[in-house]
N, C-alpha and C. Protein backbone atom coordinates (compact mmCIF):
# COMPACT_ATOMS: atom_id res chain seq x y z
N MET A 1 0.82 -1.19 0.00
CA MET A 1 0.00 0.00 0.00
C MET A 1 0.86 1.25 0.00
N ASN A 2 1.94 1.27 0.79
CA ASN A 2 2.82 2.43 0.84
C ASN A 2 3.47 2.72 -0.52
N HIS A 3 3.72 1.66 -1.30
CA HIS A 3 4.32 1.84 -2.61
C HIS A 3 3.36 2.57 -3.54
N ILE A 4 2.09 2.25 -3.43
CA ILE A 4 1.07 2.91 -4.26
C ILE A 4 0.98 4.38 -3.89
N VAL A 5 0.92 4.67 -2.62
CA VAL A 5 0.84 6.05 -2.16
C VAL A 5 2.08 6.83 -2.60
N THR A 6 3.24 6.21 -2.47
CA THR A 6 4.48 6.86 -2.89
C THR A 6 4.46 7.11 -4.39
N ALA A 7 4.02 6.13 -5.17
CA ALA A 7 3.95 6.29 -6.62
C ALA A 7 3.00 7.42 -7.00
N LEU A 8 1.85 7.46 -6.36
CA LEU A 8 0.89 8.54 -6.63
C LEU A 8 1.46 9.89 -6.25
N GLY A 9 2.21 9.91 -5.17
CA GLY A 9 2.84 11.16 -4.73
C GLY A 9 3.86 11.67 -5.73
N LEU A 10 4.46 10.77 -6.49
CA LEU A 10 5.43 11.16 -7.51
C LEU A 10 4.76 11.48 -8.84
N ILE A 11 3.70 10.78 -9.15
CA ILE A 11 3.03 10.95 -10.44
C ILE A 11 2.18 12.22 -10.48
N ALA A 12 1.48 12.52 -9.40
CA ALA A 12 0.58 13.68 -9.39
C ALA A 12 1.29 14.98 -9.75
N PRO A 13 2.43 15.30 -9.15
CA PRO A 13 3.11 16.54 -9.54
C PRO A 13 3.54 16.54 -11.00
N LEU A 14 3.93 15.39 -11.53
CA LEU A 14 4.32 15.32 -12.94
C LEU A 14 3.12 15.58 -13.84
N ALA A 15 1.96 15.06 -13.47
CA ALA A 15 0.75 15.30 -14.26
C ALA A 15 0.39 16.77 -14.25
N ILE A 16 0.48 17.39 -13.09
CA ILE A 16 0.17 18.82 -12.99
C ILE A 16 1.16 19.63 -13.81
N PHE A 17 2.45 19.27 -13.73
CA PHE A 17 3.47 19.95 -14.53
C PHE A 17 3.17 19.77 -16.02
N GLY A 18 2.76 18.58 -16.41
CA GLY A 18 2.45 18.31 -17.82
C GLY A 18 1.31 19.18 -18.32
N LEU A 19 0.27 19.34 -17.51
CA LEU A 19 -0.85 20.20 -17.89
C LEU A 19 -0.41 21.65 -18.00
N ALA A 20 0.41 22.10 -17.07
CA ALA A 20 0.90 23.47 -17.11
C ALA A 20 1.77 23.69 -18.34
N PHE A 21 2.60 22.72 -18.67
CA PHE A 21 3.46 22.82 -19.86
C PHE A 21 2.62 22.88 -21.12
N GLU A 22 1.58 22.05 -21.18
CA GLU A 22 0.70 22.04 -22.35
C GLU A 22 0.03 23.39 -22.53
N ALA A 23 -0.46 23.98 -21.45
CA ALA A 23 -1.10 25.30 -21.52
C ALA A 23 -0.10 26.37 -21.95
N ALA A 24 1.11 26.31 -21.42
CA ALA A 24 2.13 27.30 -21.80
C ALA A 24 2.50 27.13 -23.26
N ASN A 25 2.58 25.90 -23.73
CA ASN A 25 2.92 25.65 -25.12
C ASN A 25 1.81 26.17 -26.04
N ALA A 26 0.56 25.94 -25.66
CA ALA A 26 -0.56 26.47 -26.45
C ALA A 26 -0.49 27.99 -26.49
N GLN A 27 -0.21 28.59 -25.37
CA GLN A 27 -0.12 30.05 -25.31
C GLN A 27 1.00 30.55 -26.22
N ALA A 28 2.14 29.93 -26.19
CA ALA A 28 3.27 30.36 -27.03
C ALA A 28 2.91 30.27 -28.51
N ASN A 29 2.13 29.25 -28.88
CA ASN A 29 1.73 29.08 -30.27
C ASN A 29 0.63 30.05 -30.68
N ASP A 30 -0.01 30.69 -29.75
CA ASP A 30 -1.12 31.60 -30.04
C ASP A 30 -0.76 33.06 -29.83
N MET A 31 0.50 33.39 -29.96
CA MET A 31 0.96 34.78 -29.92
C MET A 31 1.15 35.23 -31.36
N PHE A 32 0.54 36.35 -31.72
CA PHE A 32 0.57 36.81 -33.11
C PHE A 32 1.07 38.24 -33.19
N PRO A 33 1.71 38.58 -34.31
CA PRO A 33 2.23 39.95 -34.47
C PRO A 33 1.14 40.97 -34.78
N THR A 34 -0.02 40.50 -35.27
CA THR A 34 -1.10 41.44 -35.61
C THR A 34 -2.41 41.03 -34.96
N ARG A 35 -3.24 42.02 -34.74
CA ARG A 35 -4.57 41.77 -34.18
C ARG A 35 -5.39 40.90 -35.13
N ALA A 36 -5.29 41.16 -36.42
CA ALA A 36 -6.06 40.40 -37.41
C ALA A 36 -5.73 38.91 -37.35
N ALA A 37 -4.46 38.57 -37.20
CA ALA A 37 -4.06 37.16 -37.12
C ALA A 37 -4.63 36.52 -35.85
N ALA A 38 -4.61 37.24 -34.75
CA ALA A 38 -5.17 36.72 -33.49
C ALA A 38 -6.68 36.54 -33.61
N GLU A 39 -7.36 37.45 -34.27
CA GLU A 39 -8.81 37.34 -34.45
C GLU A 39 -9.16 36.15 -35.34
N LYS A 40 -8.32 35.87 -36.33
CA LYS A 40 -8.54 34.69 -37.18
C LYS A 40 -8.44 33.42 -36.33
N ARG A 41 -7.44 33.36 -35.46
CA ARG A 41 -7.29 32.19 -34.57
C ARG A 41 -8.46 32.13 -33.59
N ALA A 42 -8.96 33.28 -33.16
CA ALA A 42 -10.11 33.31 -32.25
C ALA A 42 -11.30 32.59 -32.87
N LYS A 43 -11.53 32.80 -34.16
CA LYS A 43 -12.64 32.11 -34.84
C LYS A 43 -12.45 30.60 -34.78
N GLU A 44 -11.21 30.14 -34.96
CA GLU A 44 -10.92 28.71 -34.87
C GLU A 44 -11.21 28.17 -33.48
N LEU A 45 -10.96 29.00 -32.48
CA LEU A 45 -11.19 28.60 -31.08
C LEU A 45 -12.64 28.82 -30.64
N GLN A 46 -13.45 29.34 -31.54
CA GLN A 46 -14.86 29.63 -31.27
C GLN A 46 -15.02 30.68 -30.17
N CYS A 47 -14.18 31.71 -30.24
CA CYS A 47 -14.32 32.87 -29.39
C CYS A 47 -14.18 34.08 -30.31
N SER A 48 -14.25 35.26 -29.78
CA SER A 48 -14.13 36.43 -30.65
C SER A 48 -13.20 37.46 -30.03
N GLY A 49 -12.67 38.31 -30.90
CA GLY A 49 -11.82 39.39 -30.44
C GLY A 49 -10.37 38.98 -30.31
N ALA A 50 -9.60 39.91 -29.78
CA ALA A 50 -8.17 39.70 -29.54
C ALA A 50 -7.75 40.68 -28.45
N PHE A 51 -6.69 40.34 -27.75
CA PHE A 51 -6.17 41.24 -26.71
C PHE A 51 -4.66 41.29 -26.80
N ALA A 52 -4.12 42.42 -26.40
CA ALA A 52 -2.68 42.63 -26.45
C ALA A 52 -2.01 41.91 -25.29
N MET A 53 -0.87 41.29 -25.61
CA MET A 53 -0.04 40.64 -24.60
C MET A 53 1.37 41.13 -24.90
N GLY A 54 1.75 42.18 -24.20
CA GLY A 54 3.02 42.82 -24.52
C GLY A 54 2.92 43.47 -25.88
N SER A 55 3.84 43.16 -26.76
CA SER A 55 3.82 43.74 -28.10
C SER A 55 3.13 42.83 -29.12
N GLU A 56 2.58 41.71 -28.65
CA GLU A 56 1.91 40.77 -29.54
C GLU A 56 0.43 40.67 -29.18
N TRP A 57 -0.28 39.88 -29.96
CA TRP A 57 -1.72 39.73 -29.79
C TRP A 57 -2.09 38.28 -29.55
N MET A 58 -3.13 38.07 -28.74
CA MET A 58 -3.65 36.73 -28.48
C MET A 58 -5.13 36.69 -28.84
N PRO A 59 -5.63 35.51 -29.20
CA PRO A 59 -7.04 35.38 -29.57
C PRO A 59 -7.97 35.45 -28.36
N CYS A 60 -9.22 35.78 -28.60
CA CYS A 60 -10.31 35.89 -27.64
C CYS A 60 -10.29 37.28 -26.98
N LYS A 61 -11.36 37.60 -26.28
CA LYS A 61 -11.46 38.96 -25.74
C LYS A 61 -10.56 39.19 -24.53
N ASN A 62 -10.19 38.10 -23.81
CA ASN A 62 -9.27 38.22 -22.68
C ASN A 62 -8.67 36.85 -22.38
N PHE A 63 -7.74 36.81 -21.44
CA PHE A 63 -7.00 35.58 -21.17
C PHE A 63 -7.89 34.49 -20.58
N ASP A 64 -8.85 34.85 -19.75
CA ASP A 64 -9.75 33.85 -19.16
C ASP A 64 -10.54 33.13 -20.24
N VAL A 65 -11.08 33.89 -21.18
CA VAL A 65 -11.85 33.30 -22.28
C VAL A 65 -10.93 32.43 -23.15
N TYR A 66 -9.71 32.90 -23.38
CA TYR A 66 -8.74 32.13 -24.15
C TYR A 66 -8.45 30.79 -23.49
N GLU A 67 -8.19 30.79 -22.19
CA GLU A 67 -7.90 29.54 -21.48
C GLU A 67 -9.05 28.55 -21.59
N LYS A 68 -10.26 29.02 -21.45
CA LYS A 68 -11.43 28.13 -21.59
C LYS A 68 -11.52 27.57 -23.00
N ALA A 69 -11.22 28.41 -23.99
CA ALA A 69 -11.30 27.98 -25.39
C ALA A 69 -10.26 26.90 -25.71
N ILE A 70 -9.04 27.07 -25.22
CA ILE A 70 -8.02 26.05 -25.53
C ILE A 70 -8.29 24.74 -24.79
N LYS A 71 -8.92 24.82 -23.63
CA LYS A 71 -9.28 23.58 -22.93
C LYS A 71 -10.33 22.81 -23.72
N LYS A 72 -11.28 23.52 -24.33
CA LYS A 72 -12.30 22.87 -25.14
C LYS A 72 -11.69 22.27 -26.40
N GLU A 73 -10.67 22.93 -26.94
CA GLU A 73 -10.04 22.48 -28.18
C GLU A 73 -9.28 21.16 -28.00
N SER A 74 -8.67 20.96 -26.83
CA SER A 74 -7.84 19.77 -26.64
C SER A 74 -8.62 18.56 -26.22
């Protein structure tokens, strides 16, 4: 029983890290140099609009909506 608990204790953080990495990777792929390009991607994600992230643009009206959209996509 202790081996199972120990294994779960090691696997759970890796799973959480994997999900965080996947979200960060999606975000990196959804940075665009123009608002128009981000709005085109927003249509693919079934959201609308775009928002500035530094000097680049991301799809959807804000980051919360974007996160929900990429979760639905995967």
